[in-house]
Protein backbone atom coordinates (compact mmCIF):
# COMPACT_ATOMS: atom_id res chain seq x y z
CA UNK A 1 12.24 14.07 2.59
CA UNK A 2 9.63 13.21 -0.01
CA UNK A 3 9.47 9.73 -1.45
CA UNK A 4 7.67 8.59 -4.57
CA UNK A 5 5.45 5.57 -3.98
CA UNK A 6 4.53 3.66 -7.12
CA UNK A 7 1.76 1.10 -6.72
CA UNK A 8 1.37 -1.81 -9.11
CA UNK A 9 -0.67 -4.99 -9.22
CA UNK A 10 1.11 -8.34 -9.30
CA UNK A 11 0.25 -11.24 -11.60
CA UNK A 12 -1.86 -12.55 -8.67
CA UNK A 13 -3.81 -9.27 -8.46
CA UNK A 14 -2.21 -8.12 -5.19
CA UNK A 15 -0.92 -4.60 -4.66
CA UNK A 16 2.83 -4.08 -4.61
CA UNK A 17 4.61 -0.80 -3.84
CA UNK A 18 7.92 0.41 -5.21
CA UNK A 19 9.17 3.32 -3.08
CA UNK A 20 11.85 5.61 -4.48
CA UNK A 21 13.95 7.90 -2.28
CA UNK A 22 15.69 11.09 -3.41
CA UNK A 23 13.31 11.86 -6.27
CA UNK A 24 12.50 15.20 -7.79
CA UNK A 25 9.34 16.63 -6.26
CA UNK A 26 8.13 18.30 -9.44
CA UNK A 27 7.34 15.22 -11.54
CA UNK A 28 4.06 15.37 -13.43
CA UNK A 29 1.54 12.60 -14.02
CA UNK A 30 2.52 11.79 -17.64
CA UNK A 31 6.21 11.48 -16.71
CA UNK A 32 5.55 9.14 -13.78
CA UNK A 33 3.01 7.10 -15.77
CA UNK A 34 5.46 6.66 -18.64
CA UNK A 35 8.17 5.45 -16.24
CA UNK A 36 5.75 3.03 -14.58
CA UNK A 37 4.66 1.70 -17.98
CA UNK A 38 8.32 1.00 -18.78
CA UNK A 39 8.69 -0.94 -15.53
CA UNK A 40 5.64 -3.04 -16.42
CA UNK A 41 6.89 -3.63 -19.98
CA UNK A 42 10.32 -4.76 -18.76
CA UNK A 43 8.88 -7.68 -16.75
CA UNK A 44 12.18 -7.85 -14.86
CA UNK A 45 10.82 -8.34 -11.35
CA UNK A 46 9.62 -11.75 -10.23
CA UNK A 47 9.54 -13.60 -6.92
CA UNK A 48 8.46 -17.21 -6.38
CA UNK A 49 6.93 -17.30 -9.86
CA UNK A 50 4.84 -14.16 -9.30
CA UNK A 51 5.48 -11.17 -11.55
CA UNK A 52 5.65 -8.24 -9.13
CA UNK A 53 4.87 -5.24 -11.36
CA UNK A 54 2.29 -6.32 -13.93
CA UNK A 55 -0.17 -3.42 -13.99
CA UNK A 56 0.05 0.26 -13.07
CA UNK A 57 -2.28 1.13 -10.20
CA UNK A 58 -1.31 4.49 -8.60
CA UNK A 59 1.48 6.90 -7.73
CA UNK A 60 1.88 9.44 -4.96
CA UNK A 61 4.42 11.47 -3.08
CA UNK A 62 4.79 10.48 0.57
CA UNK A 63 6.29 12.77 3.16
CA UNK A 64 6.87 11.72 6.75
CA UNK A 65 6.97 14.15 9.64
CA UNK A 66 8.69 13.21 12.87
CA UNK A 67 8.15 15.00 16.16
CA UNK A 68 10.71 14.05 18.78
CA UNK A 69 9.41 14.01 22.32
CA UNK A 70 12.61 13.01 24.06
CA UNK A 71 15.74 10.97 23.71
CA UNK A 72 17.95 9.61 26.46
CA UNK A 73 20.93 10.42 24.23
CA UNK A 74 20.09 14.16 23.94
CA UNK A 75 22.47 16.54 25.66
CA UNK A 76 20.75 19.42 27.43
């Protein structure tokens, strides 16, 4: 399954990721950028006085591949 990882900078300049599951895998750059800009403009997310999503930094699709070697629960 692909995930969309949106990276922002906090009000302290640290990187903060927002990872979305179950996203369309055909989103283009302008669409994602516009959505991220809306998140920044909303200023809804804060923790311990630090605004979490203050500046757009990057976006990427992330796909994880698992290769099972064995499992004690597997029935042969």
